[in-house]
Amino acid sequence: MEFQSNTDLFQAIEELQASLASSGNEQASNQIAEGMSSLNGLTDGWAQLLESINFVKREFSSTLSKDQNKEIGIIESTVHNLVYRD
């Protein structure tokens, strides 16, 4: 895992959201915010966050910076591991 705690993961997600919004990708930022609002302490909440992240990767990757794509990849990998207990 790339993050020491969920708090570190949440901070990275918030930083990514801010980066997306400031670079004109508000739709991508909003999609991730929607996924974050799904977190409920259960696996299904993490799965909904993962769906939001995957949607952003699929729909917006061509408009994201190299650093944003890298960060979303790291976050996606971590959330995937949380959902599938890899």
PDB file of N, CA and C in Angstrom:
ATOM      1  N   MET A   1       0.842  -1.173   0.000  1.00  0.00           N
ATOM      2  CA  MET A   1       0.000   0.000   0.000  1.00  0.00           C
ATOM      3  C   MET A   1       0.892   1.243   0.000  1.00  0.00           C
ATOM      4  N   GLU A   2       0.497   2.208  -0.757  1.00  0.00           N
ATOM      5  CA  GLU A   2       1.247   3.449  -0.885  1.00  0.00           C
ATOM      6  C   GLU A   2       1.028   4.397   0.284  1.00  0.00           C
ATOM      7  N   PHE A   3      -0.026   4.196   1.043  1.00  0.00           N
ATOM      8  CA  PHE A   3      -0.407   5.127   2.095  1.00  0.00           C
ATOM      9  C   PHE A   3      -0.302   4.442   3.449  1.00  0.00           C
ATOM     10  N   GLN A   4       0.120   5.191   4.462  1.00  0.00           N
ATOM     11  CA  GLN A   4       0.302   4.643   5.800  1.00  0.00           C
ATOM     12  C   GLN A   4      -1.024   4.463   6.537  1.00  0.00           C
ATOM     13  N   SER A   5      -2.040   5.241   6.130  1.00  0.00           N
ATOM     14  CA  SER A   5      -3.328   5.175   6.809  1.00  0.00           C
ATOM     15  C   SER A   5      -4.425   5.655   5.865  1.00  0.00           C
ATOM     16  N   ASN A   6      -5.662   5.420   6.268  1.00  0.00           N
ATOM     17  CA  ASN A   6      -6.781   5.947   5.487  1.00  0.00           C
ATOM     18  C   ASN A   6      -6.743   7.470   5.458  1.00  0.00           C
ATOM     19  N   THR A   7      -6.291   8.076   6.540  1.00  0.00           N
ATOM     20  CA  THR A   7      -6.186   9.532   6.589  1.00  0.00           C
ATOM     21  C   THR A   7      -5.250  10.025   5.490  1.00  0.00           C
ATOM     22  N   ASP A   8      -4.126   9.342   5.298  1.00  0.00           N
ATOM     23  CA  ASP A   8      -3.191   9.711   4.223  1.00  0.00           C
ATOM     24  C   ASP A   8      -3.840   9.543   2.862  1.00  0.00           C
ATOM     25  N   LEU A   9      -4.595   8.473   2.694  1.00  0.00           N
ATOM     26  CA  LEU A   9      -5.301   8.224   1.434  1.00  0.00           C
ATOM     27  C   LEU A   9      -6.333   9.322   1.181  1.00  0.00           C
ATOM     28  N   PHE A  10      -7.120   9.649   2.191  1.00  0.00           N
ATOM     29  CA  PHE A  10      -8.135  10.694   2.032  1.00  0.00           C
ATOM     30  C   PHE A  10      -7.497  12.035   1.701  1.00  0.00           C
ATOM     31  N   GLN A  11      -6.370  12.326   2.323  1.00  0.00           N
ATOM     32  CA  GLN A  11      -5.661  13.579   2.038  1.00  0.00           C
ATOM     33  C   GLN A  11      -5.202  13.602   0.587  1.00  0.00           C
ATOM     34  N   ALA A  12      -4.676  12.484   0.102  1.00  0.00           N
ATOM     35  CA  ALA A  12      -4.224  12.410  -1.292  1.00  0.00           C
ATOM     36  C   ALA A  12      -5.401  12.588  -2.250  1.00  0.00           C
ATOM     37  N   ILE A  13      -6.541  12.012  -1.912  1.00  0.00           N
ATOM     38  CA  ILE A  13      -7.732  12.157  -2.756  1.00  0.00           C
ATOM     39  C   ILE A  13      -8.193  13.608  -2.771  1.00  0.00           C
ATOM     40  N   GLU A  14      -8.195  14.250  -1.603  1.00  0.00           N
ATOM     41  CA  GLU A  14      -8.590  15.656  -1.536  1.00  0.00           C
ATOM     42  C   GLU A  14      -7.631  16.539  -2.334  1.00  0.00           C
ATOM     43  N   GLU A  15      -6.340  16.240  -2.267  1.00  0.00           N
ATOM     44  CA  GLU A  15      -5.356  17.005  -3.029  1.00  0.00           C
ATOM     45  C   GLU A  15      -5.560  16.800  -4.531  1.00  0.00           C
ATOM     46  N   LEU A  16      -5.874  15.569  -4.926  1.00  0.00           N
ATOM     47  CA  LEU A  16      -6.149  15.296  -6.329  1.00  0.00           C
ATOM     48  C   LEU A  16      -7.388  16.054  -6.781  1.00  0.00           C
ATOM     49  N   GLN A  17      -8.435  16.030  -5.970  1.00  0.00           N
ATOM     50  CA  GLN A  17      -9.663  16.774  -6.304  1.00  0.00           C
ATOM     51  C   GLN A  17      -9.353  18.250  -6.507  1.00  0.00           C
ATOM     52  N   ALA A  18      -8.585  18.834  -5.625  1.00  0.00           N
ATOM     53  CA  ALA A  18      -8.228  20.251  -5.732  1.00  0.00           C
ATOM     54  C   ALA A  18      -7.413  20.509  -6.989  1.00  0.00           C
ATOM     55  N   SER A  19      -6.493  19.618  -7.288  1.00  0.00           N
ATOM     56  CA  SER A  19      -5.669  19.749  -8.494  1.00  0.00           C
ATOM     57  C   SER A  19      -6.524  19.667  -9.752  1.00  0.00           C
ATOM     58  N   LEU A  20      -7.455  18.726  -9.763  1.00  0.00           N
ATOM     59  CA  LEU A  20      -8.342  18.578 -10.916  1.00  0.00           C
ATOM     60  C   LEU A  20      -9.196  19.830 -11.108  1.00  0.00           C
ATOM     61  N   ALA A  21      -9.765  20.322 -10.028  1.00  0.00           N
ATOM     62  CA  ALA A  21     -10.620  21.506 -10.118  1.00  0.00           C
ATOM     63  C   ALA A  21      -9.825  22.726 -10.579  1.00  0.00           C
ATOM     64  N   SER A  22      -8.631  22.903 -10.045  1.00  0.00           N
ATOM     65  CA  SER A  22      -7.834  24.088 -10.397  1.00  0.00           C
ATOM     66  C   SER A  22      -7.295  24.033 -11.818  1.00  0.00           C
ATOM     67  N   SER A  23      -7.238  22.832 -12.392  1.00  0.00           N
ATOM     68  CA  SER A  23      -6.749  22.713 -13.766  1.00  0.00           C
ATOM     69  C   SER A  23      -7.892  22.655 -14.781  1.00  0.00           C
ATOM     70  N   GLY A  24      -9.115  22.950 -14.319  1.00  0.00           N
ATOM     71  CA  GLY A  24     -10.255  23.001 -15.224  1.00  0.00           C
ATOM     72  C   GLY A  24     -10.996  21.698 -15.405  1.00  0.00           C
ATOM     73  N   ASN A  25     -10.666  20.694 -14.634  1.00  0.00           N
ATOM     74  CA  ASN A  25     -11.334  19.391 -14.727  1.00  0.00           C
ATOM     75  C   ASN A  25     -12.327  19.233 -13.580  1.00  0.00           C
ATOM     76  N   GLU A  26     -13.259  20.174 -13.483  1.00  0.00           N
ATOM     77  CA  GLU A  26     -14.224  20.141 -12.383  1.00  0.00           C
ATOM     78  C   GLU A  26     -15.115  18.909 -12.425  1.00  0.00           C
ATOM     79  N   GLN A  27     -15.464  18.445 -13.621  1.00  0.00           N
ATOM     80  CA  GLN A  27     -16.301  17.243 -13.708  1.00  0.00           C
ATOM     81  C   GLN A  27     -15.585  16.050 -13.090  1.00  0.00           C
ATOM     82  N   ALA A  28     -14.297  15.911 -13.370  1.00  0.00           N
ATOM     83  CA  ALA A  28     -13.521  14.812 -12.801  1.00  0.00           C
ATOM     84  C   ALA A  28     -13.436  14.960 -11.286  1.00  0.00           C
ATOM     85  N   SER A  29     -13.196  16.169 -10.816  1.00  0.00           N
ATOM     86  CA  SER A  29     -13.134  16.436  -9.386  1.00  0.00           C
ATOM     87  C   SER A  29     -14.463  16.103  -8.723  1.00  0.00           C
ATOM     88  N   ASN A  30     -15.546  16.516  -9.337  1.00  0.00           N
ATOM     89  CA  ASN A  30     -16.883  16.246  -8.780  1.00  0.00           C
ATOM     90  C   ASN A  30     -17.191  14.762  -8.753  1.00  0.00           C
ATOM     91  N   GLN A  31     -16.747  14.028  -9.761  1.00  0.00           N
ATOM     92  CA  GLN A  31     -16.981  12.585  -9.808  1.00  0.00           C
ATOM     93  C   GLN A  31     -16.279  11.893  -8.644  1.00  0.00           C
ATOM     94  N   ILE A  32     -15.062  12.313  -8.363  1.00  0.00           N
ATOM     95  CA  ILE A  32     -14.334  11.720  -7.239  1.00  0.00           C
ATOM     96  C   ILE A  32     -14.990  12.120  -5.919  1.00  0.00           C
ATOM     97  N   ALA A  33     -15.450  13.368  -5.817  1.00  0.00           N
ATOM     98  CA  ALA A  33     -16.158  13.811  -4.609  1.00  0.00           C
ATOM     99  C   ALA A  33     -17.412  12.964  -4.389  1.00  0.00           C
ATOM    100  N   GLU A  34     -18.094  12.652  -5.459  1.00  0.00           N
ATOM    101  CA  GLU A  34     -19.288  11.801  -5.369  1.00  0.00           C
ATOM    102  C   GLU A  34     -18.927  10.420  -4.829  1.00  0.00           C
ATOM    103  N   GLY A  35     -17.817   9.877  -5.323  1.00  0.00           N
ATOM    104  CA  GLY A  35     -17.352   8.582  -4.828  1.00  0.00           C
ATOM    105  C   GLY A  35     -16.977   8.641  -3.359  1.00  0.00           C
ATOM    106  N   MET A  36     -16.335   9.728  -2.949  1.00  0.00           N
ATOM    107  CA  MET A  36     -15.963   9.893  -1.538  1.00  0.00           C
ATOM    108  C   MET A  36     -17.202   9.951  -0.656  1.00  0.00           C
ATOM    109  N   SER A  37     -18.257  10.560  -1.155  1.00  0.00           N
ATOM    110  CA  SER A  37     -19.468  10.673  -0.348  1.00  0.00           C
ATOM    111  C   SER A  37     -20.149   9.321  -0.167  1.00  0.00           C
ATOM    112  N   SER A  38     -19.755   8.329  -0.940  1.00  0.00           N
ATOM    113  CA  SER A  38     -20.323   6.986  -0.836  1.00  0.00           C
ATOM    114  C   SER A  38     -19.701   6.168   0.285  1.00  0.00           C
ATOM    115  N   LEU A  39     -18.556   6.615   0.789  1.00  0.00           N
ATOM    116  CA  LEU A  39     -17.880   5.841   1.827  1.00  0.00           C
ATOM    117  C   LEU A  39     -18.764   5.745   3.060  1.00  0.00           C
ATOM    118  N   ASN A  40     -18.948   4.521   3.512  1.00  0.00           N
ATOM    119  CA  ASN A  40     -19.827   4.270   4.644  1.00  0.00           C
ATOM    120  C   ASN A  40     -19.226   3.278   5.633  1.00  0.00           C
ATOM    121  N   GLY A  41     -17.937   2.999   5.472  1.00  0.00           N
ATOM    122  CA  GLY A  41     -17.288   2.049   6.360  1.00  0.00           C
ATOM    123  C   GLY A  41     -17.427   0.607   5.920  1.00  0.00           C
ATOM    124  N   LEU A  42     -18.161   0.394   4.840  1.00  0.00           N
ATOM    125  CA  LEU A  42     -18.368  -0.958   4.319  1.00  0.00           C
ATOM    126  C   LEU A  42     -17.679  -1.095   2.964  1.00  0.00           C
ATOM    127  N   THR A  43     -17.498  -2.317   2.537  1.00  0.00           N
ATOM    128  CA  THR A  43     -16.839  -2.576   1.263  1.00  0.00           C
ATOM    129  C   THR A  43     -17.594  -1.963   0.098  1.00  0.00           C
ATOM    130  N   ASP A  44     -18.919  -1.927   0.154  1.00  0.00           N
ATOM    131  CA  ASP A  44     -19.669  -1.373  -0.974  1.00  0.00           C
ATOM    132  C   ASP A  44     -19.384   0.119  -1.149  1.00  0.00           C
ATOM    133  N   GLY A  45     -19.122   0.842  -0.086  1.00  0.00           N
ATOM    134  CA  GLY A  45     -18.760   2.246  -0.200  1.00  0.00           C
ATOM    135  C   GLY A  45     -17.413   2.416  -0.892  1.00  0.00           C
ATOM    136  N   TRP A  46     -16.451   1.570  -0.520  1.00  0.00           N
ATOM    137  CA  TRP A  46     -15.148   1.600  -1.184  1.00  0.00           C
ATOM    138  C   TRP A  46     -15.297   1.225  -2.658  1.00  0.00           C
ATOM    139  N   ALA A  47     -16.171   0.276  -2.950  1.00  0.00           N
ATOM    140  CA  ALA A  47     -16.398  -0.141  -4.338  1.00  0.00           C
ATOM    141  C   ALA A  47     -16.984   1.008  -5.159  1.00  0.00           C
ATOM    142  N   GLN A  48     -17.872   1.792  -4.561  1.00  0.00           N
ATOM    143  CA  GLN A  48     -18.432   2.942  -5.281  1.00  0.00           C
ATOM    144  C   GLN A  48     -17.365   4.004  -5.518  1.00  0.00           C
ATOM    145  N   LEU A  49     -16.478   4.204  -4.547  1.00  0.00           N
ATOM    146  CA  LEU A  49     -15.360   5.121  -4.756  1.00  0.00           C
ATOM    147  C   LEU A  49     -14.486   4.611  -5.894  1.00  0.00           C
ATOM    148  N   LEU A  50     -14.217   3.317  -5.912  1.00  0.00           N
ATOM    149  CA  LEU A  50     -13.411   2.723  -6.980  1.00  0.00           C
ATOM    150  C   LEU A  50     -14.066   2.935  -8.342  1.00  0.00           C
ATOM    151  N   GLU A  51     -15.378   2.773  -8.406  1.00  0.00           N
ATOM    152  CA  GLU A  51     -16.092   3.017  -9.667  1.00  0.00           C
ATOM    153  C   GLU A  51     -15.910   4.463 -10.126  1.00  0.00           C
ATOM    154  N   SER A  52     -15.981   5.391  -9.200  1.00  0.00           N
ATOM    155  CA  SER A  52     -15.800   6.807  -9.546  1.00  0.00           C
ATOM    156  C   SER A  52     -14.388   7.064 -10.062  1.00  0.00           C
ATOM    157  N   ILE A  53     -13.411   6.485  -9.404  1.00  0.00           N
ATOM    158  CA  ILE A  53     -12.020   6.656  -9.827  1.00  0.00           C
ATOM    159  C   ILE A  53     -11.821   6.053 -11.211  1.00  0.00           C
ATOM    160  N   ASN A  54     -12.348   4.863 -11.420  1.00  0.00           N
ATOM    161  CA  ASN A  54     -12.208   4.220 -12.735  1.00  0.00           C
ATOM    162  C   ASN A  54     -12.908   5.026 -13.829  1.00  0.00           C
ATOM    163  N   PHE A  55     -14.053   5.612 -13.511  1.00  0.00           N
ATOM    164  CA  PHE A  55     -14.759   6.464 -14.469  1.00  0.00           C
ATOM    165  C   PHE A  55     -13.888   7.659 -14.851  1.00  0.00           C
ATOM    166  N   VAL A  56     -13.289   8.287 -13.870  1.00  0.00           N
ATOM    167  CA  VAL A  56     -12.422   9.439 -14.145  1.00  0.00           C
ATOM    168  C   VAL A  56     -11.237   9.012 -15.012  1.00  0.00           C
ATOM    169  N   LYS A  57     -10.627   7.885 -14.684  1.00  0.00           N
ATOM    170  CA  LYS A  57      -9.497   7.396 -15.500  1.00  0.00           C
ATOM    171  C   LYS A  57      -9.944   7.158 -16.938  1.00  0.00           C
ATOM    172  N   ARG A  58     -11.090   6.545 -17.100  1.00  0.00           N
ATOM    173  CA  ARG A  58     -11.583   6.186 -18.430  1.00  0.00           C
ATOM    174  C   ARG A  58     -12.003   7.421 -19.233  1.00  0.00           C
ATOM    175  N   GLU A  59     -12.712   8.325 -18.602  1.00  0.00           N
ATOM    176  CA  GLU A  59     -13.308   9.445 -19.327  1.00  0.00           C
ATOM    177  C   GLU A  59     -12.422  10.687 -19.421  1.00  0.00           C
ATOM    178  N   PHE A  60     -11.504  10.863 -18.481  1.00  0.00           N
ATOM    179  CA  PHE A  60     -10.772  12.117 -18.418  1.00  0.00           C
ATOM    180  C   PHE A  60      -9.257  11.980 -18.528  1.00  0.00           C
ATOM    181  N   SER A  61      -8.734  10.776 -18.624  1.00  0.00           N
ATOM    182  CA  SER A  61      -7.279  10.610 -18.586  1.00  0.00           C
ATOM    183  C   SER A  61      -6.554  11.423 -19.652  1.00  0.00           C
ATOM    184  N   SER A  62      -7.184  11.602 -20.799  1.00  0.00           N
ATOM    185  CA  SER A  62      -6.514  12.363 -21.871  1.00  0.00           C
ATOM    186  C   SER A  62      -6.429  13.847 -21.555  1.00  0.00           C
ATOM    187  N   THR A  63      -7.224  14.322 -20.608  1.00  0.00           N
ATOM    188  CA  THR A  63      -7.194  15.746 -20.253  1.00  0.00           C
ATOM    189  C   THR A  63      -6.429  16.003 -18.954  1.00  0.00           C
ATOM    190  N   LEU A  64      -5.963  14.950 -18.309  1.00  0.00           N
ATOM    191  CA  LEU A  64      -5.234  15.094 -17.056  1.00  0.00           C
ATOM    192  C   LEU A  64      -3.743  15.232 -17.319  1.00  0.00           C
ATOM    193  N   SER A  65      -3.066  15.892 -16.400  1.00  0.00           N
ATOM    194  CA  SER A  65      -1.613  16.008 -16.499  1.00  0.00           C
ATOM    195  C   SER A  65      -0.977  14.655 -16.184  1.00  0.00           C
ATOM    196  N   LYS A  66       0.287  14.544 -16.505  1.00  0.00           N
ATOM    197  CA  LYS A  66       1.025  13.317 -16.213  1.00  0.00           C
ATOM    198  C   LYS A  66       1.004  13.027 -14.709  1.00  0.00           C
ATOM    199  N   ASP A  67       1.207  14.063 -13.897  1.00  0.00           N
ATOM    200  CA  ASP A  67       1.194  13.884 -12.444  1.00  0.00           C
ATOM    201  C   ASP A  67      -0.185  13.480 -11.934  1.00  0.00           C
ATOM    202  N   GLN A  68      -1.236  14.071 -12.501  1.00  0.00           N
ATOM    203  CA  GLN A  68      -2.599  13.710 -12.089  1.00  0.00           C
ATOM    204  C   GLN A  68      -2.904  12.265 -12.458  1.00  0.00           C
ATOM    205  N   ASN A  69      -2.505  11.847 -13.653  1.00  0.00           N
ATOM    206  CA  ASN A  69      -2.711  10.452 -14.059  1.00  0.00           C
ATOM    207  C   ASN A  69      -1.942   9.496 -13.155  1.00  0.00           C
ATOM    208  N   LYS A  70      -0.730   9.887 -12.791  1.00  0.00           N
ATOM    209  CA  LYS A  70       0.071   9.041 -11.905  1.00  0.00           C
ATOM    210  C   LYS A  70      -0.600   8.925 -10.539  1.00  0.00           C
ATOM    211  N   GLU A  71      -1.045  10.052  -9.988  1.00  0.00           N
ATOM    212  CA  GLU A  71      -1.662  10.056  -8.669  1.00  0.00           C
ATOM    213  C   GLU A  71      -2.969   9.256  -8.665  1.00  0.00           C
ATOM    214  N   ILE A  72      -3.771   9.425  -9.696  1.00  0.00           N
ATOM    215  CA  ILE A  72      -5.024   8.676  -9.735  1.00  0.00           C
ATOM    216  C   ILE A  72      -4.748   7.178  -9.884  1.00  0.00           C
ATOM    217  N   GLY A  73      -3.677   6.820 -10.556  1.00  0.00           N
ATOM    218  CA  GLY A  73      -3.297   5.409 -10.660  1.00  0.00           C
ATOM    219  C   GLY A  73      -2.907   4.821  -9.320  1.00  0.00           C
ATOM    220  N   ILE A  74      -2.167   5.586  -8.530  1.00  0.00           N
ATOM    221  CA  ILE A  74      -1.759   5.133  -7.199  1.00  0.00           C
ATOM    222  C   ILE A  74      -2.984   4.981  -6.295  1.00  0.00           C
ATOM    223  N   ILE A  75      -3.861   5.973  -6.340  1.00  0.00           N
ATOM    224  CA  ILE A  75      -5.069   5.930  -5.527  1.00  0.00           C
ATOM    225  C   ILE A  75      -5.957   4.764  -5.963  1.00  0.00           C
ATOM    226  N   GLU A  76      -6.109   4.587  -7.261  1.00  0.00           N
ATOM    227  CA  GLU A  76      -6.936   3.487  -7.782  1.00  0.00           C
ATOM    228  C   GLU A  76      -6.403   2.140  -7.316  1.00  0.00           C
ATOM    229  N   SER A  77      -5.108   1.962  -7.364  1.00  0.00           N
ATOM    230  CA  SER A  77      -4.496   0.702  -6.942  1.00  0.00           C
ATOM    231  C   SER A  77      -4.767   0.428  -5.462  1.00  0.00           C
ATOM    232  N   THR A  78      -4.629   1.452  -4.649  1.00  0.00           N
ATOM    233  CA  THR A  78      -4.864   1.302  -3.215  1.00  0.00           C
ATOM    234  C   THR A  78      -6.322   0.970  -2.929  1.00  0.00           C
ATOM    235  N   VAL A  79      -7.236   1.698  -3.547  1.00  0.00           N
ATOM    236  CA  VAL A  79      -8.661   1.449  -3.311  1.00  0.00           C
ATOM    237  C   VAL A  79      -9.053   0.072  -3.852  1.00  0.00           C
ATOM    238  N   HIS A  80      -8.510  -0.313  -4.989  1.00  0.00           N
ATOM    239  CA  HIS A  80      -8.767  -1.657  -5.537  1.00  0.00           C
ATOM    240  C   HIS A  80      -8.365  -2.724  -4.522  1.00  0.00           C
ATOM    241  N   ASN A  81      -7.193  -2.549  -3.921  1.00  0.00           N
ATOM    242  CA  ASN A  81      -6.735  -3.509  -2.918  1.00  0.00           C
ATOM    243  C   ASN A  81      -7.643  -3.545  -1.704  1.00  0.00           C
ATOM    244  N   LEU A  82      -8.191  -2.410  -1.326  1.00  0.00           N
ATOM    245  CA  LEU A  82      -9.125  -2.371  -0.200  1.00  0.00           C
ATOM    246  C   LEU A  82     -10.427  -3.097  -0.518  1.00  0.00           C
ATOM    247  N   VAL A  83     -10.901  -2.933  -1.750  1.00  0.00           N
ATOM    248  CA  VAL A  83     -12.161  -3.569  -2.156  1.00  0.00           C
ATOM    249  C   VAL A  83     -11.993  -5.074  -2.299  1.00  0.00           C
ATOM    250  N   TYR A  84     -10.917  -5.475  -2.959  1.00  0.00           N
ATOM    251  CA  TYR A  84     -10.743  -6.902  -3.279  1.00  0.00           C
ATOM    252  C   TYR A  84      -9.835  -7.644  -2.311  1.00  0.00           C
ATOM    253  N   ARG A  85      -9.384  -6.926  -1.287  1.00  0.00           N
ATOM    254  CA  ARG A  85      -8.540  -7.529  -0.236  1.00  0.00           C
ATOM    255  C   ARG A  85      -7.321  -8.233  -0.818  1.00  0.00           C
ATOM    256  N   ASP A  86      -6.715  -7.600  -1.838  1.00  0.00           N
ATOM    257  CA  ASP A  86      -5.503  -8.170  -2.479  1.00  0.00           C
ATOM    258  C   ASP A  86      -4.315  -8.103  -1.551  1.00  0.00           C
TER     259      ASP A  86
END
